[in-house]
Amino acid sequence: MSDENQNTTYADDIARIEEIIDKLRQNDCDIDKMLEYVTEASALLEKCQQKLDTTGAKIQKALMNLDTNAKSNP
């Protein structure tokens, strides 16, 4: 994955994946670019999954902290 994709938002990454899918669906998709498109989309999907996993874990931790604080401060 290139450096320019390292600091993009989740929404930007999803939008780029959608652009790639649109290109792949075109009848005149450049066969020489197909591997490049699929490789980029695969890397972006992995990055998005990591963001989802990280965000989910942080949300769970925050909810546990809220629950703990609520129980200790009735």
PDB file of N, CA and C in Angstrom:
ATOM      1  N   MET A   1       0.850  -1.169   0.000  1.00  0.00           N
ATOM      2  CA  MET A   1       0.000   0.000   0.000  1.00  0.00           C
ATOM      3  C   MET A   1       0.894   1.228   0.000  1.00  0.00           C
ATOM      4  N   SER A   2       0.539   2.238  -0.772  1.00  0.00           N
ATOM      5  CA  SER A   2       1.376   3.416  -0.867  1.00  0.00           C
ATOM      6  C   SER A   2       1.214   4.299   0.364  1.00  0.00           C
ATOM      7  N   ASP A   3       2.191   5.190   0.565  1.00  0.00           N
ATOM      8  CA  ASP A   3       2.166   6.090   1.719  1.00  0.00           C
ATOM      9  C   ASP A   3       0.948   6.998   1.694  1.00  0.00           C
ATOM     10  N   GLU A   4       0.468   7.363   0.497  1.00  0.00           N
ATOM     11  CA  GLU A   4      -0.676   8.269   0.411  1.00  0.00           C
ATOM     12  C   GLU A   4      -1.940   7.639   0.980  1.00  0.00           C
ATOM     13  N   ASN A   5      -2.020   6.320   1.034  1.00  0.00           N
ATOM     14  CA  ASN A   5      -3.194   5.637   1.580  1.00  0.00           C
ATOM     15  C   ASN A   5      -3.100   5.418   3.080  1.00  0.00           C
ATOM     16  N   GLN A   6      -1.993   5.742   3.702  1.00  0.00           N
ATOM     17  CA  GLN A   6      -1.809   5.467   5.123  1.00  0.00           C
ATOM     18  C   GLN A   6      -2.645   6.381   6.011  1.00  0.00           C
ATOM     19  N   ASN A   7      -2.870   7.629   5.600  1.00  0.00           N
ATOM     20  CA  ASN A   7      -3.551   8.599   6.459  1.00  0.00           C
ATOM     21  C   ASN A   7      -4.951   8.939   5.973  1.00  0.00           C
ATOM     22  N   THR A   8      -5.553   8.095   5.187  1.00  0.00           N
ATOM     23  CA  THR A   8      -6.894   8.355   4.704  1.00  0.00           C
ATOM     24  C   THR A   8      -7.916   7.897   5.733  1.00  0.00           C
ATOM     25  N   THR A   9      -9.120   8.445   5.619  1.00  0.00           N
ATOM     26  CA  THR A   9     -10.189   8.056   6.538  1.00  0.00           C
ATOM     27  C   THR A   9     -10.830   6.761   6.057  1.00  0.00           C
ATOM     28  N   TYR A  10     -11.601   6.163   6.946  1.00  0.00           N
ATOM     29  CA  TYR A  10     -12.357   4.960   6.597  1.00  0.00           C
ATOM     30  C   TYR A  10     -13.271   5.262   5.411  1.00  0.00           C
ATOM     31  N   ALA A  11     -13.965   6.402   5.460  1.00  0.00           N
ATOM     32  CA  ALA A  11     -14.889   6.776   4.378  1.00  0.00           C
ATOM     33  C   ALA A  11     -14.142   6.955   3.055  1.00  0.00           C
ATOM     34  N   ASP A  12     -12.957   7.548   3.100  1.00  0.00           N
ATOM     35  CA  ASP A  12     -12.147   7.705   1.890  1.00  0.00           C
ATOM     36  C   ASP A  12     -11.756   6.349   1.314  1.00  0.00           C
ATOM     37  N   ASP A  13     -11.376   5.445   2.198  1.00  0.00           N
ATOM     38  CA  ASP A  13     -10.962   4.108   1.752  1.00  0.00           C
ATOM     39  C   ASP A  13     -12.127   3.352   1.123  1.00  0.00           C
ATOM     40  N   ILE A  14     -13.306   3.444   1.727  1.00  0.00           N
ATOM     41  CA  ILE A  14     -14.486   2.781   1.170  1.00  0.00           C
ATOM     42  C   ILE A  14     -14.837   3.386  -0.187  1.00  0.00           C
ATOM     43  N   ALA A  15     -14.753   4.709  -0.290  1.00  0.00           N
ATOM     44  CA  ALA A  15     -15.036   5.379  -1.565  1.00  0.00           C
ATOM     45  C   ALA A  15     -14.061   4.903  -2.643  1.00  0.00           C
ATOM     46  N   ARG A  16     -12.795   4.747  -2.283  1.00  0.00           N
ATOM     47  CA  ARG A  16     -11.799   4.277  -3.260  1.00  0.00           C
ATOM     48  C   ARG A  16     -12.097   2.834  -3.660  1.00  0.00           C
ATOM     49  N   ILE A  17     -12.478   1.995  -2.725  1.00  0.00           N
ATOM     50  CA  ILE A  17     -12.839   0.616  -3.050  1.00  0.00           C
ATOM     51  C   ILE A  17     -14.005   0.607  -4.036  1.00  0.00           C
ATOM     52  N   GLU A  18     -14.993   1.463  -3.798  1.00  0.00           N
ATOM     53  CA  GLU A  18     -16.138   1.547  -4.705  1.00  0.00           C
ATOM     54  C   GLU A  18     -15.720   2.001  -6.103  1.00  0.00           C
ATOM     55  N   GLU A  19     -14.779   2.950  -6.168  1.00  0.00           N
ATOM     56  CA  GLU A  19     -14.254   3.394  -7.467  1.00  0.00           C
ATOM     57  C   GLU A  19     -13.590   2.225  -8.200  1.00  0.00           C
ATOM     58  N   ILE A  20     -12.809   1.461  -7.458  1.00  0.00           N
ATOM     59  CA  ILE A  20     -12.109   0.317  -8.060  1.00  0.00           C
ATOM     60  C   ILE A  20     -13.121  -0.705  -8.572  1.00  0.00           C
ATOM     61  N   ILE A  21     -14.140  -0.990  -7.780  1.00  0.00           N
ATOM     62  CA  ILE A  21     -15.170  -1.943  -8.208  1.00  0.00           C
ATOM     63  C   ILE A  21     -15.841  -1.462  -9.488  1.00  0.00           C
ATOM     64  N   ASP A  22     -16.145  -0.163  -9.548  1.00  0.00           N
ATOM     65  CA  ASP A  22     -16.746   0.393 -10.763  1.00  0.00           C
ATOM     66  C   ASP A  22     -15.832   0.196 -11.972  1.00  0.00           C
ATOM     67  N   LYS A  23     -14.538   0.423 -11.785  1.00  0.00           N
ATOM     68  CA  LYS A  23     -13.585   0.233 -12.886  1.00  0.00           C
ATOM     69  C   LYS A  23     -13.539  -1.221 -13.323  1.00  0.00           C
ATOM     70  N   LEU A  24     -13.550  -2.140 -12.355  1.00  0.00           N
ATOM     71  CA  LEU A  24     -13.490  -3.562 -12.680  1.00  0.00           C
ATOM     72  C   LEU A  24     -14.748  -4.045 -13.398  1.00  0.00           C
ATOM     73  N   ARG A  25     -15.865  -3.402 -13.145  1.00  0.00           N
ATOM     74  CA  ARG A  25     -17.132  -3.796 -13.766  1.00  0.00           C
ATOM     75  C   ARG A  25     -17.271  -3.298 -15.210  1.00  0.00           C
ATOM     76  N   GLN A  26     -16.459  -2.351 -15.587  1.00  0.00           N
ATOM     77  CA  GLN A  26     -16.544  -1.806 -16.941  1.00  0.00           C
ATOM     78  C   GLN A  26     -16.078  -2.840 -17.959  1.00  0.00           C
ATOM     79  N   ASN A  27     -16.799  -2.893 -19.054  1.00  0.00           N
ATOM     80  CA  ASN A  27     -16.449  -3.846 -20.111  1.00  0.00           C
ATOM     81  C   ASN A  27     -15.081  -3.569 -20.710  1.00  0.00           C
ATOM     82  N   ASP A  28     -14.664  -2.318 -20.662  1.00  0.00           N
ATOM     83  CA  ASP A  28     -13.380  -1.960 -21.257  1.00  0.00           C
ATOM     84  C   ASP A  28     -12.276  -1.804 -20.199  1.00  0.00           C
ATOM     85  N   CYS A  29     -12.437  -2.479 -19.076  1.00  0.00           N
ATOM     86  CA  CYS A  29     -11.428  -2.412 -18.014  1.00  0.00           C
ATOM     87  C   CYS A  29     -10.083  -2.884 -18.567  1.00  0.00           C
ATOM     88  N   ASP A  30      -9.080  -2.088 -18.324  1.00  0.00           N
ATOM     89  CA  ASP A  30      -7.730  -2.392 -18.798  1.00  0.00           C
ATOM     90  C   ASP A  30      -7.219  -3.654 -18.094  1.00  0.00           C
ATOM     91  N   ILE A  31      -7.045  -4.704 -18.859  1.00  0.00           N
ATOM     92  CA  ILE A  31      -6.609  -5.994 -18.311  1.00  0.00           C
ATOM     93  C   ILE A  31      -5.257  -5.869 -17.607  1.00  0.00           C
ATOM     94  N   ASP A  32      -4.415  -4.967 -18.083  1.00  0.00           N
ATOM     95  CA  ASP A  32      -3.105  -4.788 -17.474  1.00  0.00           C
ATOM     96  C   ASP A  32      -3.190  -4.081 -16.126  1.00  0.00           C
ATOM     97  N   LYS A  33      -4.302  -3.399 -15.853  1.00  0.00           N
ATOM     98  CA  LYS A  33      -4.477  -2.700 -14.591  1.00  0.00           C
ATOM     99  C   LYS A  33      -5.262  -3.532 -13.574  1.00  0.00           C
ATOM    100  N   MET A  34      -5.881  -4.631 -14.021  1.00  0.00           N
ATOM    101  CA  MET A  34      -6.742  -5.423 -13.150  1.00  0.00           C
ATOM    102  C   MET A  34      -6.030  -5.884 -11.880  1.00  0.00           C
ATOM    103  N   LEU A  35      -4.863  -6.453 -12.028  1.00  0.00           N
ATOM    104  CA  LEU A  35      -4.122  -6.932 -10.853  1.00  0.00           C
ATOM    105  C   LEU A  35      -3.823  -5.779  -9.908  1.00  0.00           C
ATOM    106  N   GLU A  36      -3.448  -4.631 -10.451  1.00  0.00           N
ATOM    107  CA  GLU A  36      -3.174  -3.451  -9.634  1.00  0.00           C
ATOM    108  C   GLU A  36      -4.428  -3.029  -8.866  1.00  0.00           C
ATOM    109  N   TYR A  37      -5.572  -3.006  -9.546  1.00  0.00           N
ATOM    110  CA  TYR A  37      -6.827  -2.639  -8.899  1.00  0.00           C
ATOM    111  C   TYR A  37      -7.186  -3.618  -7.781  1.00  0.00           C
ATOM    112  N   VAL A  38      -7.085  -4.894  -8.071  1.00  0.00           N
ATOM    113  CA  VAL A  38      -7.455  -5.919  -7.087  1.00  0.00           C
ATOM    114  C   VAL A  38      -6.508  -5.878  -5.888  1.00  0.00           C
ATOM    115  N   THR A  39      -5.241  -5.684  -6.134  1.00  0.00           N
ATOM    116  CA  THR A  39      -4.260  -5.593  -5.057  1.00  0.00           C
ATOM    117  C   THR A  39      -4.534  -4.381  -4.164  1.00  0.00           C
ATOM    118  N   GLU A  40      -4.822  -3.249  -4.787  1.00  0.00           N
ATOM    119  CA  GLU A  40      -5.124  -2.043  -4.019  1.00  0.00           C
ATOM    120  C   GLU A  40      -6.401  -2.222  -3.197  1.00  0.00           C
ATOM    121  N   ALA A  41      -7.436  -2.765  -3.828  1.00  0.00           N
ATOM    122  CA  ALA A  41      -8.701  -2.974  -3.118  1.00  0.00           C
ATOM    123  C   ALA A  41      -8.518  -3.942  -1.955  1.00  0.00           C
ATOM    124  N   SER A  42      -7.749  -4.981  -2.165  1.00  0.00           N
ATOM    125  CA  SER A  42      -7.497  -5.959  -1.103  1.00  0.00           C
ATOM    126  C   SER A  42      -6.794  -5.302   0.093  1.00  0.00           C
ATOM    127  N   ALA A  43      -5.799  -4.480  -0.184  1.00  0.00           N
ATOM    128  CA  ALA A  43      -5.080  -3.781   0.888  1.00  0.00           C
ATOM    129  C   ALA A  43      -6.005  -2.815   1.619  1.00  0.00           C
ATOM    130  N   LEU A  44      -6.856  -2.126   0.874  1.00  0.00           N
ATOM    131  CA  LEU A  44      -7.791  -1.188   1.496  1.00  0.00           C
ATOM    132  C   LEU A  44      -8.828  -1.923   2.348  1.00  0.00           C
ATOM    133  N   LEU A  45      -9.301  -3.058   1.868  1.00  0.00           N
ATOM    134  CA  LEU A  45     -10.253  -3.850   2.652  1.00  0.00           C
ATOM    135  C   LEU A  45      -9.623  -4.320   3.955  1.00  0.00           C
ATOM    136  N   GLU A  46      -8.377  -4.750   3.889  1.00  0.00           N
ATOM    137  CA  GLU A  46      -7.674  -5.186   5.096  1.00  0.00           C
ATOM    138  C   GLU A  46      -7.525  -4.018   6.072  1.00  0.00           C
ATOM    139  N   LYS A  47      -7.171  -2.858   5.545  1.00  0.00           N
ATOM    140  CA  LYS A  47      -7.024  -1.659   6.381  1.00  0.00           C
ATOM    141  C   LYS A  47      -8.358  -1.295   7.030  1.00  0.00           C
ATOM    142  N   CYS A  48      -9.442  -1.352   6.268  1.00  0.00           N
ATOM    143  CA  CYS A  48     -10.763  -1.040   6.811  1.00  0.00           C
ATOM    144  C   CYS A  48     -11.158  -2.041   7.893  1.00  0.00           C
ATOM    145  N   GLN A  49     -10.860  -3.315   7.685  1.00  0.00           N
ATOM    146  CA  GLN A  49     -11.184  -4.325   8.687  1.00  0.00           C
ATOM    147  C   GLN A  49     -10.408  -4.070   9.976  1.00  0.00           C
ATOM    148  N   GLN A  50      -9.152  -3.684   9.847  1.00  0.00           N
ATOM    149  CA  GLN A  50      -8.348  -3.367  11.030  1.00  0.00           C
ATOM    150  C   GLN A  50      -8.931  -2.176  11.783  1.00  0.00           C
ATOM    151  N   LYS A  51      -9.386  -1.154  11.037  1.00  0.00           N
ATOM    152  CA  LYS A  51     -10.001   0.010  11.680  1.00  0.00           C
ATOM    153  C   LYS A  51     -11.281  -0.397  12.404  1.00  0.00           C
ATOM    154  N   LEU A  52     -12.091  -1.254  11.780  1.00  0.00           N
ATOM    155  CA  LEU A  52     -13.318  -1.719  12.414  1.00  0.00           C
ATOM    156  C   LEU A  52     -13.008  -2.502  13.682  1.00  0.00           C
ATOM    157  N   ASP A  53     -12.023  -3.384  13.614  1.00  0.00           N
ATOM    158  CA  ASP A  53     -11.645  -4.177  14.782  1.00  0.00           C
ATOM    159  C   ASP A  53     -11.145  -3.289  15.915  1.00  0.00           C
ATOM    160  N   THR A  54     -10.280  -2.331  15.589  1.00  0.00           N
ATOM    161  CA  THR A  54      -9.727  -1.424  16.586  1.00  0.00           C
ATOM    162  C   THR A  54     -10.823  -0.566  17.207  1.00  0.00           C
ATOM    163  N   THR A  55     -11.689  -0.036  16.371  1.00  0.00           N
ATOM    164  CA  THR A  55     -12.783   0.801  16.870  1.00  0.00           C
ATOM    165  C   THR A  55     -13.727  -0.005  17.752  1.00  0.00           C
ATOM    166  N   GLY A  56     -14.042  -1.219  17.326  1.00  0.00           N
ATOM    167  CA  GLY A  56     -14.908  -2.087  18.132  1.00  0.00           C
ATOM    168  C   GLY A  56     -14.317  -2.368  19.496  1.00  0.00           C
ATOM    169  N   ALA A  57     -13.029  -2.636  19.538  1.00  0.00           N
ATOM    170  CA  ALA A  57     -12.354  -2.910  20.817  1.00  0.00           C
ATOM    171  C   ALA A  57     -12.365  -1.675  21.709  1.00  0.00           C
ATOM    172  N   LYS A  58     -12.134  -0.508  21.125  1.00  0.00           N
ATOM    173  CA  LYS A  58     -12.144   0.732  21.912  1.00  0.00           C
ATOM    174  C   LYS A  58     -13.538   1.025  22.450  1.00  0.00           C
ATOM    175  N   ILE A  59     -14.559   0.771  21.652  1.00  0.00           N
ATOM    176  CA  ILE A  59     -15.935   0.981  22.107  1.00  0.00           C
ATOM    177  C   ILE A  59     -16.253   0.033  23.250  1.00  0.00           C
ATOM    178  N   GLN A  60     -15.876  -1.229  23.121  1.00  0.00           N
ATOM    179  CA  GLN A  60     -16.114  -2.203  24.190  1.00  0.00           C
ATOM    180  C   GLN A  60     -15.420  -1.777  25.480  1.00  0.00           C
ATOM    181  N   LYS A  61     -14.192  -1.298  25.364  1.00  0.00           N
ATOM    182  CA  LYS A  61     -13.451  -0.846  26.539  1.00  0.00           C
ATOM    183  C   LYS A  61     -14.143   0.352  27.177  1.00  0.00           C
ATOM    184  N   ALA A  62     -14.585   1.303  26.363  1.00  0.00           N
ATOM    185  CA  ALA A  62     -15.275   2.479  26.884  1.00  0.00           C
ATOM    186  C   ALA A  62     -16.570   2.087  27.586  1.00  0.00           C
ATOM    187  N   LEU A  63     -17.307   1.148  27.005  1.00  0.00           N
ATOM    188  CA  LEU A  63     -18.552   0.692  27.623  1.00  0.00           C
ATOM    189  C   LEU A  63     -18.288  -0.030  28.943  1.00  0.00           C
ATOM    190  N   MET A  64     -17.234  -0.820  28.984  1.00  0.00           N
ATOM    191  CA  MET A  64     -16.873  -1.504  30.228  1.00  0.00           C
ATOM    192  C   MET A  64     -16.492  -0.486  31.297  1.00  0.00           C
ATOM    193  N   ASN A  65     -15.750   0.555  30.909  1.00  0.00           N
ATOM    194  CA  ASN A  65     -15.373   1.606  31.862  1.00  0.00           C
ATOM    195  C   ASN A  65     -16.602   2.332  32.381  1.00  0.00           C
ATOM    196  N   LEU A  66     -17.548   2.612  31.496  1.00  0.00           N
ATOM    197  CA  LEU A  66     -18.794   3.258  31.933  1.00  0.00           C
ATOM    198  C   LEU A  66     -19.537   2.385  32.921  1.00  0.00           C
ATOM    199  N   ASP A  67     -19.605   1.100  32.622  1.00  0.00           N
ATOM    200  CA  ASP A  67     -20.296   0.153  33.489  1.00  0.00           C
ATOM    201  C   ASP A  67     -19.602   0.075  34.848  1.00  0.00           C
ATOM    202  N   THR A  68     -18.294   0.002  34.826  1.00  0.00           N
ATOM    203  CA  THR A  68     -17.520  -0.060  36.072  1.00  0.00           C
ATOM    204  C   THR A  68     -17.720   1.211  36.891  1.00  0.00           C
ATOM    205  N   ASN A  69     -17.674   2.364  36.231  1.00  0.00           N
ATOM    206  CA  ASN A  69     -17.859   3.644  36.927  1.00  0.00           C
ATOM    207  C   ASN A  69     -19.277   3.755  37.488  1.00  0.00           C
ATOM    208  N   ALA A  70     -20.246   3.288  36.752  1.00  0.00           N
ATOM    209  CA  ALA A  70     -21.630   3.358  37.221  1.00  0.00           C
ATOM    210  C   ALA A  70     -21.827   2.476  38.457  1.00  0.00           C
ATOM    211  N   LYS A  71     -21.170   1.317  38.485  1.00  0.00           N
ATOM    212  CA  LYS A  71     -21.298   0.410  39.634  1.00  0.00           C
ATOM    213  C   LYS A  71     -20.561   0.924  40.850  1.00  0.00           C
ATOM    214  N   SER A  72     -19.448   1.643  40.634  1.00  0.00           N
ATOM    215  CA  SER A  72     -18.665   2.120  41.777  1.00  0.00           C
ATOM    216  C   SER A  72     -19.138   3.476  42.286  1.00  0.00           C
ATOM    217  N   ASN A  73     -19.982   4.153  41.512  1.00  0.00           N
ATOM    218  CA  ASN A  73     -20.516   5.464  41.915  1.00  0.00           C
ATOM    219  C   ASN A  73     -22.045   5.447  41.843  1.00  0.00           C
ATOM    220  N   PRO A  74     -22.668   4.741  42.792  1.00  0.00           N
ATOM    221  CA  PRO A  74     -24.138   4.640  42.706  1.00  0.00           C
ATOM    222  C   PRO A  74     -24.859   5.938  42.991  1.00  0.00           C
TER     223      PRO A  74
END
